[in-house]
Amino acid sequence: MPHLVSRSFLTIFIGVLIAIKPVLKADETPASWHSEGKHGAVAAGGRASVEAGMTILKSGGNAVDASAATLLALGVTDSRSYCLGGEIPIIIYDAKRNVIEVLVGQGVAPRLATREFFLKQPDGIPATGLLSATVPAAIDVIITALERHGSMRFSEVAEPTIKLLDSPTEPWHKDLQKTLKAMCEAEQKHQDRMIGLRAVSDYFYRGPVARAIDKFSRENGGLLRYEDLAKHHTKIEQPVVANYRGYKIVKCGIWTQGPALLEALQLLDGFQMDKFKPASADAIHLQAEALKLGFADRDDYFADPDFAQVPDLKELLDPEYTNARRSLIQMDRASTERIPGDPKSKKARRGIPPISAGIGGPALDTTTCVTADSQGNMVASTPSGWSGVVAGETGIWLGTRLQSFTLDQNSPNVLVPGKLPRITLTPTMVMKDGKAVGVISVAGGDGQEQAGIQVVTNLIDFKLAPKDAVKLGRFHTDHLVGSFRQTPPKLGSLTLDETISDEVAKELVNRGHAVNRQNGALSHPIVIWRNSETGLFQAAGDPRARRNAMAY
């Protein structure tokens, strides 16, 4: 690898501006936004990334191999929303072993990233730039997925991305291609697939890439060091699961916002959602009110369980606690109060002051990736990492997930070196009769679970096909503490997209919601759904959000 040349902060700033440009023009609607087939399916962001995953499936790879190829390619096609120096929480269903695993594809705070350091900064933890980088996690979680559930080598799944970079459209593309080729060469020194995969990770985290990132960070005032990368490894966890209408909804742990969706769905389980019309005032009101309660618990309780006292998930999802919280929902009136509960004592309201908000910051975006194969394997992931900087001549963009921490020492999510930030990234898997039948991924910060609950209820309660479930009009509420530098809540807020009728909007206003309108997609969902009787895959992504989906 070439030696790094020190980049000026002007270059870094320009890199940030480049990073937040839209990937596609607003009028570009993908022709491949939904598809059906019996052999396998891929849904994600950029079309070339979906094609990369399909190439792997058609050449004999499984859903994990296809996911790895898609995730690598998304680092190019969706680079304004996700980077290979970013993060990817992943849920995998291994049909042969009949097991579900969560891969914790999130890096921790560097050793030098202390609360005291950022309290001295004029703007706290910045929303952009080098200072807000956590340890890159994307590469190792891809390697770990291949090790545990894949069938191909890294060089095979990286080939579509390396070809994609043959015609560079950005100055960092050639550097990234060199880095990926060097990682493949490190693998090719070993005939054994597993040893070769570890060699790829070592090249990145304990070899030339890690040393290049260290050098760049030191020269430009960053906090990442070689030791931070060298210590990184991908943890494997059991998923969090809740029942909903005879299905099991599977999420990542309390270091994400995932359990908030499960709380909200359990609240909805006490109502007859199927008697309402999709996107009706009744349906939107109930979903929004349930989410408000789930998010209130998220804001006050969710954090890295290795560093904070978090609720026991059995208590958080206990039916008695759910019943107590459900009593707070009124069908004729919107809540304008943020109400965290007390899961330990099973009380609807907690008796201590809630967590305070911060100064707020921009929430840019994320991208999406789900895959499935004819063997029954399914993978759901939510790749992210944006508004950071390119680490010198590595071609690796660094993420900015450090901003998901708070500096409030009373919060369980307070910044501590070596700690995972509580993140919005939250893939979803749906099980039926012990088998995976659906995978969902959503881009959109705090809107991910909001679109998620709408897609789940569209599929399960309203029996919509995936192509209809992802297109149906959506809502968004900011009745929560924002996950990026803790934006203050807008109590009672409810934003509706342009497809929601004026009649529905008027009824929601009558119930006390502070309604706003927004053109375009509110969050960006994708889904793969499998008919367990016919084996038919239906894959779809909201075309308004320029998502792509292919099946064969």
Protein backbone atom coordinates (compact mmCIF):
# COMPACT_ATOMS: atom_id res chain seq x y z
CA MET A 1 0.00 0.00 0.00
CA PRO A 2 1.34 3.48 -0.78
CA HIS A 3 2.40 5.63 2.14
CA LEU A 4 -0.18 8.17 3.27
CA VAL A 5 0.22 11.78 2.32
CA SER A 6 -1.11 14.12 5.00
CA ARG A 7 -4.40 15.70 3.92
CA SER A 8 -5.34 19.22 4.98
CA PHE A 9 -8.50 20.03 6.86
CA LEU A 10 -9.69 21.87 3.74
CA THR A 11 -9.53 18.57 1.89
CA ILE A 12 -11.41 16.91 4.72
CA PHE A 13 -14.11 19.58 4.63
CA ILE A 14 -14.49 19.24 0.87
CA GLY A 15 -14.73 15.46 1.33
CA VAL A 16 -17.61 15.94 3.75
CA LEU A 17 -19.45 18.13 1.24
CA ILE A 18 -18.95 15.52 -1.46
CA ALA A 19 -20.19 12.81 0.89
CA ILE A 20 -23.59 14.35 1.49
CA LYS A 21 -24.57 14.91 -2.13
CA PRO A 22 -27.52 12.80 -3.34
CA VAL A 23 -26.46 9.57 -5.05
CA LEU A 24 -29.16 9.82 -7.70
CA LYS A 25 -31.15 12.63 -9.25
CA ALA A 26 -34.55 13.18 -7.67
CA ASP A 27 -36.41 12.08 -10.81
CA GLU A 28 -34.56 8.75 -11.12
CA THR A 29 -37.04 6.01 -10.21
CA PRO A 30 -35.59 2.50 -10.45
CA ALA A 31 -37.21 0.17 -12.94
CA SER A 32 -36.27 -2.77 -10.70
CA TRP A 33 -38.00 -1.77 -7.46
CA HIS A 34 -39.94 -5.05 -7.10
CA SER A 35 -39.48 -8.59 -8.33
CA GLU A 36 -40.58 -12.22 -7.78
CA GLY A 37 -38.82 -15.58 -8.07
CA LYS A 38 -38.29 -18.95 -6.39
CA HIS A 39 -34.51 -19.21 -6.31
CA GLY A 40 -33.40 -16.17 -4.33
CA ALA A 41 -33.75 -12.44 -3.90
CA VAL A 42 -31.76 -9.31 -3.10
CA ALA A 43 -33.07 -5.87 -2.17
CA ALA A 44 -30.86 -2.88 -1.34
CA GLY A 45 -30.00 0.65 -2.45
CA GLY A 46 -28.04 1.14 -5.67
CA ARG A 47 -28.90 -1.10 -8.61
CA ALA A 48 -25.29 -2.14 -9.21
CA SER A 49 -25.09 -3.38 -5.62
CA VAL A 50 -28.22 -5.49 -6.02
CA GLU A 51 -26.77 -6.86 -9.27
CA ALA A 52 -23.59 -7.77 -7.36
CA GLY A 53 -25.61 -9.81 -4.88
CA MET A 54 -27.62 -11.49 -7.64
CA THR A 55 -24.42 -12.41 -9.48
CA ILE A 56 -23.23 -14.25 -6.38
CA LEU A 57 -26.58 -16.02 -5.87
CA LYS A 58 -26.70 -17.17 -9.48
CA SER A 59 -23.11 -18.45 -9.31
CA GLY A 60 -23.99 -20.77 -6.40
CA GLY A 61 -23.47 -18.56 -3.39
CA ASN A 62 -25.93 -18.48 -0.52
CA ALA A 63 -27.78 -15.54 1.02
CA VAL A 64 -24.81 -14.62 3.24
CA ASP A 65 -22.40 -14.63 0.30
CA ALA A 66 -24.84 -12.45 -1.64
CA SER A 67 -25.21 -10.12 1.32
CA ALA A 68 -21.43 -9.74 1.61
CA ALA A 69 -21.13 -8.87 -2.09
CA THR A 70 -24.01 -6.39 -1.89
CA LEU A 71 -22.63 -4.71 1.24
CA LEU A 72 -19.20 -4.24 -0.34
CA ALA A 73 -20.70 -2.76 -3.50
CA LEU A 74 -22.98 -0.45 -1.49
CA GLY A 75 -19.80 1.20 -0.22
CA VAL A 76 -19.50 2.56 -3.77
CA THR A 77 -23.05 2.95 -5.06
CA ASP A 78 -24.45 4.32 -1.79
CA SER A 79 -21.31 6.00 -0.48
CA ARG A 80 -23.16 9.16 0.55
CA SER A 81 -25.17 7.04 2.98
CA TYR A 82 -22.82 4.23 4.02
CA CYS A 83 -19.09 3.57 4.03
CA LEU A 84 -16.77 0.61 4.46
CA GLY A 85 -15.32 2.38 7.49
CA GLY A 86 -18.81 2.49 9.00
CA GLU A 87 -21.11 -0.03 10.63
CA ILE A 88 -23.58 -2.85 9.78
CA PRO A 89 -25.72 -4.65 12.35
CA ILE A 90 -26.73 -7.98 10.78
CA ILE A 91 -29.33 -10.65 11.57
CA ILE A 92 -28.76 -14.05 9.93
CA TYR A 93 -31.08 -17.05 9.77
CA ASP A 94 -29.13 -20.24 9.00
CA ALA A 95 -31.74 -22.68 7.67
CA LYS A 96 -29.53 -25.78 7.80
CA ARG A 97 -28.78 -25.32 11.50
CA ASN A 98 -32.10 -23.59 12.20
CA VAL A 99 -30.39 -20.82 14.20
CA ILE A 100 -30.61 -17.03 14.26
CA GLU A 101 -27.60 -14.91 15.11
CA VAL A 102 -27.04 -11.20 15.55
CA LEU A 103 -23.67 -9.90 14.39
CA VAL A 104 -22.78 -6.73 16.30
CA GLY A 105 -21.38 -4.80 13.36
CA GLN A 106 -20.82 -1.58 15.31
CA GLY A 107 -17.45 -0.22 16.40
CA VAL A 108 -16.77 1.20 19.84
CA ALA A 109 -15.57 4.64 20.89
CA PRO A 110 -11.77 5.01 20.52
CA ARG A 111 -9.66 5.02 23.69
CA LEU A 112 -9.01 8.76 23.32
CA ALA A 113 -12.71 9.62 22.89
CA THR A 114 -13.60 10.72 26.41
CA ARG A 115 -16.50 12.75 27.72
CA GLU A 116 -14.01 15.24 29.15
CA PHE A 117 -12.37 15.74 25.74
CA PHE A 118 -15.67 16.58 24.02
CA LEU A 119 -16.92 18.81 26.84
CA LYS A 120 -13.99 21.07 25.94
CA GLN A 121 -15.02 21.22 22.27
CA PRO A 122 -17.15 24.24 21.31
CA ASP A 123 -19.81 22.05 19.69
CA GLY A 124 -19.55 18.87 21.76
CA ILE A 125 -19.38 15.71 19.64
CA PRO A 126 -19.48 16.96 16.03
CA ALA A 127 -21.99 15.66 13.51
CA THR A 128 -19.42 15.48 10.70
CA GLY A 129 -15.69 15.00 10.18
CA LEU A 130 -12.91 12.94 11.66
CA LEU A 131 -13.49 13.50 15.39
CA SER A 132 -16.79 11.62 15.43
CA ALA A 133 -15.46 8.34 14.01
CA THR A 134 -15.94 5.11 15.93
CA VAL A 135 -13.77 2.07 15.20
CA PRO A 136 -14.66 0.86 11.66
CA ALA A 137 -16.79 -2.27 11.91
CA ALA A 138 -18.13 -2.97 8.41
CA ILE A 139 -15.23 -5.04 7.04
CA ASP A 140 -14.92 -7.38 10.01
CA VAL A 141 -18.67 -8.01 10.28
CA ILE A 142 -18.72 -8.96 6.59
CA ILE A 143 -15.78 -11.32 7.17
CA THR A 144 -17.43 -12.79 10.28
CA ALA A 145 -20.66 -13.43 8.39
CA LEU A 146 -18.73 -15.26 5.67
CA GLU A 147 -16.81 -17.29 8.27
CA ARG A 148 -19.87 -18.41 10.20
CA HIS A 149 -22.49 -18.82 7.49
CA GLY A 150 -21.02 -18.19 4.04
CA SER A 151 -19.54 -20.53 1.44
CA MET A 152 -17.31 -18.22 -0.61
CA ARG A 153 -13.98 -16.50 -0.23
CA PHE A 154 -13.64 -12.75 0.24
CA SER A 155 -12.04 -12.34 -3.19
CA GLU A 156 -15.11 -13.91 -4.82
CA VAL A 157 -17.64 -11.64 -3.13
CA ALA A 158 -15.39 -8.58 -3.59
CA GLU A 159 -14.95 -9.15 -7.34
CA PRO A 160 -18.13 -7.24 -8.40
CA THR A 161 -17.05 -4.21 -6.36
CA ILE A 162 -13.51 -4.27 -7.71
CA LYS A 163 -14.95 -4.35 -11.25
CA LEU A 164 -17.33 -1.54 -10.35
CA LEU A 165 -14.30 0.57 -9.44
CA ASP A 166 -12.63 0.02 -12.84
CA SER A 167 -14.39 3.15 -14.08
CA PRO A 168 -13.87 5.59 -11.22
CA THR A 169 -16.25 8.50 -10.81
CA GLU A 170 -14.73 9.78 -7.55
CA PRO A 171 -11.06 10.48 -6.73
CA TRP A 172 -11.05 7.91 -3.89
CA HIS A 173 -12.33 5.03 -6.03
CA LYS A 174 -8.92 3.97 -7.32
CA ASP A 175 -7.52 4.04 -3.79
CA LEU A 176 -10.37 1.83 -2.56
CA GLN A 177 -9.81 -0.56 -5.43
CA LYS A 178 -6.11 -0.85 -4.49
CA THR A 179 -7.04 -1.54 -0.88
CA LEU A 180 -9.59 -4.22 -1.79
CA LYS A 181 -7.14 -5.88 -4.19
CA ALA A 182 -4.46 -5.90 -1.48
CA MET A 183 -6.92 -7.51 0.94
CA CYS A 184 -7.70 -10.19 -1.67
CA GLU A 185 -3.97 -10.81 -2.19
CA ALA A 186 -3.57 -11.31 1.56
CA GLU A 187 -6.31 -13.95 1.40
CA GLN A 188 -4.87 -15.71 -1.63
CA LYS A 189 -1.71 -16.60 0.30
CA HIS A 190 -3.81 -19.17 2.17
CA GLN A 191 -5.58 -22.12 0.57
CA ASP A 192 -7.80 -22.72 3.58
CA ARG A 193 -10.91 -20.54 3.23
CA MET A 194 -11.27 -19.77 6.93
CA ILE A 195 -7.62 -18.85 7.41
CA GLY A 196 -7.79 -16.72 4.28
CA LEU A 197 -10.80 -14.80 5.58
CA ARG A 198 -9.00 -14.07 8.85
CA ALA A 199 -6.01 -12.87 6.85
CA VAL A 200 -8.26 -10.30 5.15
CA SER A 201 -9.47 -9.01 8.51
CA ASP A 202 -5.91 -8.93 9.84
CA TYR A 203 -4.73 -6.93 6.83
CA PHE A 204 -7.37 -4.34 7.58
CA TYR A 205 -7.37 -4.25 11.39
CA ARG A 206 -3.83 -5.28 12.32
CA GLY A 207 -1.92 -4.61 9.14
CA PRO A 208 -1.30 -1.89 6.52
CA VAL A 209 -4.82 -0.41 6.52
CA ALA A 210 -4.91 0.01 10.30
CA ARG A 211 -1.48 1.66 10.28
CA ALA A 212 -2.54 3.97 7.45
CA ILE A 213 -5.70 5.00 9.31
CA ASP A 214 -3.63 5.60 12.47
CA LYS A 215 -1.19 7.80 10.56
CA PHE A 216 -3.96 9.79 8.91
CA SER A 217 -5.80 10.27 12.19
CA ARG A 218 -2.68 11.46 14.05
CA GLU A 219 -1.75 13.91 11.30
CA ASN A 220 -5.25 15.41 11.15
CA GLY A 221 -6.19 15.65 14.83
CA GLY A 222 -8.34 12.52 14.98
CA LEU A 223 -8.78 10.10 17.87
CA LEU A 224 -8.53 6.71 16.13
CA ARG A 225 -5.33 4.76 16.72
CA TYR A 226 -3.86 1.48 15.52
CA GLU A 227 -4.57 -0.10 18.91
CA ASP A 228 -8.29 0.67 18.57
CA LEU A 229 -8.48 -1.22 15.30
CA ALA A 230 -6.22 -4.05 16.44
CA LYS A 231 -8.52 -4.81 19.38
CA HIS A 232 -11.70 -4.81 17.29
CA HIS A 233 -13.69 -8.01 16.87
CA THR A 234 -17.29 -8.71 15.92
CA LYS A 235 -19.40 -9.96 18.82
CA ILE A 236 -22.12 -12.56 18.23
CA GLU A 237 -25.38 -12.30 20.16
CA GLN A 238 -28.72 -14.01 20.46
CA PRO A 239 -31.54 -11.90 19.00
CA VAL A 240 -34.38 -10.26 20.89
CA VAL A 241 -37.73 -11.77 19.91
CA ALA A 242 -41.39 -10.87 20.50
CA ASN A 243 -44.61 -12.52 19.33
CA TYR A 244 -47.01 -10.62 17.09
CA ARG A 245 -50.19 -12.16 15.60
CA GLY A 246 -48.65 -15.65 15.42
CA TYR A 247 -45.33 -14.41 14.00
CA LYS A 248 -42.04 -13.89 15.81
CA ILE A 249 -40.40 -10.52 15.17
CA VAL A 250 -36.61 -10.66 15.53
CA LYS A 251 -34.41 -7.67 16.39
CA CYS A 252 -30.91 -6.77 17.53
CA GLY A 253 -30.27 -6.01 21.20
CA ILE A 254 -30.65 -2.99 23.44
CA TRP A 255 -27.50 -1.37 21.99
CA THR A 256 -29.82 -0.56 19.05
CA GLN A 257 -33.32 0.89 19.05
CA GLY A 258 -34.66 -2.53 17.97
CA PRO A 259 -36.46 -3.49 21.21
CA ALA A 260 -38.51 -0.27 20.95
CA LEU A 261 -40.23 -1.73 17.87
CA LEU A 262 -40.99 -4.92 19.80
CA GLU A 263 -42.49 -2.87 22.63
CA ALA A 264 -44.66 -0.96 20.16
CA LEU A 265 -45.82 -4.12 18.38
CA GLN A 266 -46.79 -5.74 21.67
CA LEU A 267 -48.84 -2.66 22.48
CA LEU A 268 -50.58 -2.95 19.08
CA ASP A 269 -51.21 -6.65 19.71
CA GLY A 270 -53.96 -5.61 22.14
CA PHE A 271 -55.89 -3.82 19.36
CA GLN A 272 -57.66 -5.23 16.30
CA MET A 273 -55.53 -3.53 13.68
CA ASP A 274 -57.06 -5.56 10.86
CA LYS A 275 -60.43 -3.84 11.35
CA PHE A 276 -58.84 -0.57 10.25
CA LYS A 277 -57.88 0.43 6.73
CA PRO A 278 -54.16 0.71 5.89
CA ALA A 279 -52.89 4.29 6.30
CA SER A 280 -56.20 5.32 7.88
CA ALA A 281 -56.44 7.80 10.75
CA ASP A 282 -57.11 4.95 13.21
CA ALA A 283 -54.13 2.89 12.01
CA ILE A 284 -51.71 5.82 11.95
CA HIS A 285 -52.88 7.10 15.33
CA LEU A 286 -52.42 3.72 17.04
CA GLN A 287 -49.01 3.09 15.47
CA ALA A 288 -47.79 6.56 16.40
CA GLU A 289 -49.04 6.33 20.00
CA ALA A 290 -47.42 2.91 20.47
CA LEU A 291 -44.14 4.18 19.05
CA LYS A 292 -44.14 7.19 21.37
CA LEU A 293 -44.13 4.85 24.37
CA GLY A 294 -41.48 2.57 22.88
CA PHE A 295 -39.22 5.52 22.04
CA ALA A 296 -39.63 7.02 25.52
CA ASP A 297 -38.17 3.83 26.99
CA ARG A 298 -35.49 3.80 24.29
CA ASP A 299 -34.41 7.36 25.09
CA ASP A 300 -34.10 6.75 28.83
CA TYR A 301 -32.90 3.13 29.04
CA PHE A 302 -31.20 1.77 25.90
CA ALA A 303 -27.39 1.57 25.80
CA ASP A 304 -24.44 -0.80 25.54
CA PRO A 305 -25.29 -3.44 28.20
CA ASP A 306 -21.58 -4.04 28.92
CA PHE A 307 -21.26 -0.46 30.19
CA ALA A 308 -24.68 0.51 31.53
CA GLN A 309 -27.49 -0.78 33.70
CA VAL A 310 -30.19 -1.48 31.14
CA PRO A 311 -33.59 -3.10 31.67
CA ASP A 312 -33.85 -6.85 31.61
CA LEU A 313 -35.40 -7.53 28.20
CA LYS A 314 -37.78 -10.03 29.75
CA GLU A 315 -39.06 -7.23 31.98
CA LEU A 316 -39.19 -4.75 29.10
CA LEU A 317 -41.33 -7.14 27.04
CA ASP A 318 -43.29 -8.62 29.95
CA PRO A 319 -47.06 -8.79 29.20
CA GLU A 320 -47.89 -7.17 32.55
CA TYR A 321 -45.67 -4.19 31.73
CA THR A 322 -47.13 -4.04 28.22
CA ASN A 323 -50.68 -3.99 29.63
CA ALA A 324 -49.75 -1.14 31.99
CA ARG A 325 -48.26 0.89 29.16
CA ARG A 326 -51.18 0.15 26.84
CA SER A 327 -53.53 1.85 29.30
CA LEU A 328 -51.84 5.15 28.38
CA ILE A 329 -53.06 4.97 24.77
CA GLN A 330 -56.28 6.85 24.02
CA MET A 331 -57.96 6.24 20.70
CA ASP A 332 -59.49 9.70 20.58
CA ARG A 333 -56.54 11.77 21.76
CA ALA A 334 -52.86 12.08 20.83
CA SER A 335 -50.33 12.13 23.61
CA THR A 336 -48.31 15.35 23.94
CA GLU A 337 -46.23 14.01 26.82
CA ARG A 338 -43.06 11.90 26.61
CA ILE A 339 -43.67 9.07 29.11
CA PRO A 340 -40.91 6.57 29.92
CA GLY A 341 -42.15 3.64 31.98
CA ASP A 342 -40.72 1.51 34.77
CA PRO A 343 -40.33 -2.04 33.45
CA LYS A 344 -38.78 -3.39 36.64
CA SER A 345 -41.81 -2.50 38.76
CA LYS A 346 -44.18 -2.94 35.79
CA LYS A 347 -45.50 0.60 36.19
CA ALA A 348 -46.72 2.65 33.24
CA ARG A 349 -44.71 5.72 34.33
CA ARG A 350 -41.28 6.03 35.87
CA GLY A 351 -40.94 8.10 39.00
CA ILE A 352 -37.71 9.97 38.25
CA PRO A 353 -37.00 12.84 35.84
CA PRO A 354 -36.54 11.75 32.21
CA ILE A 355 -33.26 12.06 30.34
CA SER A 356 -32.57 15.57 29.05
CA ALA A 357 -32.11 16.45 25.38
CA GLY A 358 -28.98 17.92 23.80
CA ILE A 359 -28.09 20.45 21.13
CA GLY A 360 -29.25 18.40 18.16
CA GLY A 361 -27.66 17.74 14.82
CA PRO A 362 -28.43 16.68 11.24
CA ALA A 363 -29.52 13.12 10.55
CA LEU A 364 -28.32 12.38 7.05
CA ASP A 365 -29.03 8.84 5.95
CA THR A 366 -28.24 5.15 5.89
CA THR A 367 -28.83 2.46 3.29
CA THR A 368 -30.40 -0.98 3.23
CA CYS A 369 -29.67 -4.62 2.35
CA VAL A 370 -31.67 -7.86 2.62
CA THR A 371 -31.05 -11.20 0.91
CA ALA A 372 -32.60 -14.67 0.74
CA ASP A 373 -31.89 -17.97 -1.02
CA SER A 374 -33.77 -21.14 -1.99
CA GLN A 375 -32.22 -23.06 0.92
CA GLY A 376 -34.23 -20.92 3.33
CA ASN A 377 -31.39 -18.69 4.53
CA MET A 378 -32.21 -15.02 5.07
CA VAL A 379 -30.11 -11.99 6.00
CA ALA A 380 -31.24 -8.56 7.17
CA SER A 381 -28.75 -5.73 7.61
CA THR A 382 -28.72 -1.95 7.90
CA PRO A 383 -25.41 -0.49 6.60
CA SER A 384 -24.47 3.06 7.55
CA GLY A 385 -21.68 5.58 7.97
CA TRP A 386 -21.84 9.08 6.47
CA SER A 387 -20.50 12.65 6.66
CA GLY A 388 -17.05 11.43 7.67
CA VAL A 389 -13.73 11.67 5.82
CA VAL A 390 -11.59 9.48 3.59
CA ALA A 391 -8.66 8.04 5.53
CA GLY A 392 -5.84 9.28 3.28
CA GLU A 393 -5.03 7.02 0.37
CA THR A 394 -6.82 3.94 1.72
CA GLY A 395 -10.04 4.88 -0.08
CA ILE A 396 -11.85 3.98 3.16
CA TRP A 397 -14.40 6.53 4.35
CA LEU A 398 -14.75 6.70 8.13
CA GLY A 399 -18.17 7.00 9.78
CA THR A 400 -19.44 9.47 12.38
CA ARG A 401 -21.44 7.27 14.75
CA LEU A 402 -19.78 8.76 17.84
CA GLN A 403 -22.48 11.46 17.63
CA SER A 404 -25.04 8.87 18.78
CA PHE A 405 -23.54 9.10 22.28
CA THR A 406 -24.60 11.76 24.75
CA LEU A 407 -22.39 13.76 27.11
CA ASP A 408 -25.12 13.69 29.78
CA GLN A 409 -23.53 11.70 32.59
CA ASN A 410 -26.99 10.71 33.88
CA SER A 411 -27.77 8.86 30.67
CA PRO A 412 -26.93 5.16 30.23
CA ASN A 413 -25.78 6.12 26.73
CA VAL A 414 -23.10 8.55 27.96
CA LEU A 415 -19.82 8.43 26.05
CA VAL A 416 -17.16 6.08 27.49
CA PRO A 417 -14.06 4.83 25.61
CA GLY A 418 -14.53 1.26 24.42
CA LYS A 419 -18.33 1.52 24.55
CA LEU A 420 -20.87 0.94 21.78
CA PRO A 421 -23.10 3.92 20.99
CA ARG A 422 -26.82 3.21 21.08
CA ILE A 423 -27.65 3.29 17.40
CA THR A 424 -30.73 3.68 15.22
CA LEU A 425 -29.62 0.95 12.81
CA THR A 426 -32.14 -1.84 13.24
CA PRO A 427 -32.72 -4.66 10.72
CA THR A 428 -35.83 -6.84 11.20
CA MET A 429 -36.49 -10.54 10.59
CA VAL A 430 -39.91 -12.20 10.68
CA MET A 431 -40.34 -15.88 11.61
CA LYS A 432 -43.34 -18.18 11.15
CA ASP A 433 -43.52 -21.79 12.33
CA GLY A 434 -39.82 -21.74 13.19
CA LYS A 435 -38.63 -20.55 9.77
CA ALA A 436 -37.65 -17.12 8.44
CA VAL A 437 -40.34 -15.76 6.12
CA GLY A 438 -39.36 -12.10 5.86
CA VAL A 439 -36.52 -9.61 6.19
CA ILE A 440 -36.90 -5.84 6.39
CA SER A 441 -34.38 -3.01 6.37
CA VAL A 442 -35.07 0.71 6.59
CA ALA A 443 -32.89 3.79 6.15
CA GLY A 444 -33.80 6.98 7.94
CA GLY A 445 -32.40 7.46 11.46
CA ASP A 446 -35.15 7.70 14.07
CA GLY A 447 -37.65 6.92 11.31
CA GLN A 448 -36.36 3.37 10.84
CA GLU A 449 -38.66 1.73 13.38
CA GLN A 450 -41.46 4.06 12.35
CA ALA A 451 -41.39 2.81 8.76
CA GLY A 452 -40.64 -0.64 10.17
CA ILE A 453 -43.85 -0.85 12.20
CA GLN A 454 -45.84 0.29 9.19
CA VAL A 455 -44.25 -2.32 6.91
CA VAL A 456 -44.78 -5.10 9.50
CA THR A 457 -48.44 -4.23 10.01
CA ASN A 458 -48.95 -3.81 6.25
CA LEU A 459 -47.64 -7.33 5.69
CA ILE A 460 -49.19 -9.10 8.68
CA ASP A 461 -52.35 -7.20 9.64
CA PHE A 462 -53.38 -5.85 6.24
CA LYS A 463 -52.04 -8.77 4.15
CA LEU A 464 -50.45 -6.46 1.59
CA ALA A 465 -47.93 -7.68 -0.96
CA PRO A 466 -44.38 -6.34 -0.38
CA LYS A 467 -44.59 -3.96 -3.36
CA ASP A 468 -47.69 -2.40 -1.79
CA ALA A 469 -46.37 -2.55 1.77
CA VAL A 470 -43.32 -0.40 0.93
CA LYS A 471 -45.24 2.13 -1.16
CA LEU A 472 -48.15 2.80 1.18
CA GLY A 473 -48.22 6.33 2.58
CA ARG A 474 -46.22 6.76 5.79
CA PHE A 475 -45.95 9.00 8.83
CA HIS A 476 -43.07 10.14 11.04
CA THR A 477 -43.03 11.57 14.55
CA ASP A 478 -40.29 13.50 16.36
CA HIS A 479 -41.99 12.87 19.71
CA LEU A 480 -38.63 11.56 20.97
CA VAL A 481 -35.10 12.62 21.85
CA GLY A 482 -33.23 12.57 18.54
CA SER A 483 -30.49 9.99 18.19
CA PHE A 484 -27.96 12.39 16.68
CA ARG A 485 -26.62 14.78 19.30
CA GLN A 486 -29.93 14.37 21.16
CA THR A 487 -32.23 16.72 19.26
CA PRO A 488 -35.01 17.93 21.62
CA PRO A 489 -38.39 16.22 21.15
CA LYS A 490 -41.24 17.86 19.26
CA LEU A 491 -44.09 16.62 21.41
CA GLY A 492 -47.21 15.60 19.54
CA SER A 493 -45.57 16.06 16.13
CA LEU A 494 -46.75 13.95 13.21
CA THR A 495 -45.46 14.33 9.65
CA LEU A 496 -47.47 12.75 6.84
CA ASP A 497 -46.23 12.10 3.33
CA GLU A 498 -48.09 13.45 0.32
CA THR A 499 -50.00 10.21 -0.34
CA ILE A 500 -51.95 10.42 2.94
CA SER A 501 -55.36 11.95 2.19
CA ASP A 502 -56.44 15.35 3.47
CA GLU A 503 -59.39 13.65 5.18
CA VAL A 504 -57.05 11.45 7.20
CA ALA A 505 -54.83 14.42 8.03
CA LYS A 506 -57.84 16.42 9.25
CA GLU A 507 -58.99 13.58 11.50
CA LEU A 508 -55.51 13.27 13.03
CA VAL A 509 -55.48 17.02 13.72
CA ASN A 510 -58.85 16.61 15.45
CA ARG A 511 -57.25 14.00 17.74
CA GLY A 512 -54.58 16.47 18.80
CA HIS A 513 -51.68 15.56 16.53
CA ALA A 514 -49.52 18.49 15.35
CA VAL A 515 -49.62 17.51 11.68
CA ASN A 516 -47.11 18.56 9.02
CA ARG A 517 -46.81 17.52 5.40
CA GLN A 518 -43.75 16.36 3.46
CA ASN A 519 -43.32 15.39 -0.15
CA GLY A 520 -41.37 12.25 -0.91
CA ALA A 521 -40.62 9.10 1.05
CA LEU A 522 -40.46 9.27 4.85
CA SER A 523 -37.67 6.75 5.49
CA HIS A 524 -36.58 4.16 2.92
CA PRO A 525 -37.84 0.58 3.44
CA ILE A 526 -37.08 -2.65 1.59
CA VAL A 527 -38.47 -6.13 2.19
CA ILE A 528 -38.17 -9.74 1.04
CA TRP A 529 -41.15 -11.97 1.88
CA ARG A 530 -41.34 -15.72 1.22
CA ASN A 531 -44.54 -17.68 0.76
CA SER A 532 -43.95 -20.77 2.87
CA GLU A 533 -46.37 -22.86 0.78
CA THR A 534 -45.21 -21.96 -2.74
CA GLY A 535 -41.63 -20.90 -1.99
CA LEU A 536 -42.15 -17.70 -3.99
CA PHE A 537 -39.98 -14.74 -2.98
CA GLN A 538 -41.42 -11.25 -3.32
CA ALA A 539 -38.83 -8.50 -3.02
CA ALA A 540 -39.52 -4.77 -3.06
CA GLY A 541 -38.09 -1.39 -2.14
CA ASP A 542 -39.90 1.94 -2.07
CA PRO A 543 -39.35 3.44 -5.55
CA ARG A 544 -39.77 6.96 -4.14
CA ALA A 545 -36.60 6.28 -2.14
CA ARG A 546 -34.92 4.78 -5.26
CA ARG A 547 -34.52 1.33 -3.70
CA ASN A 548 -33.87 -1.69 -5.93
CA ALA A 549 -34.99 -5.32 -5.67
CA MET A 550 -34.36 -8.40 -7.79
CA ALA A 551 -35.44 -12.05 -7.57
CA TYR A 552 -35.06 -15.00 -9.91
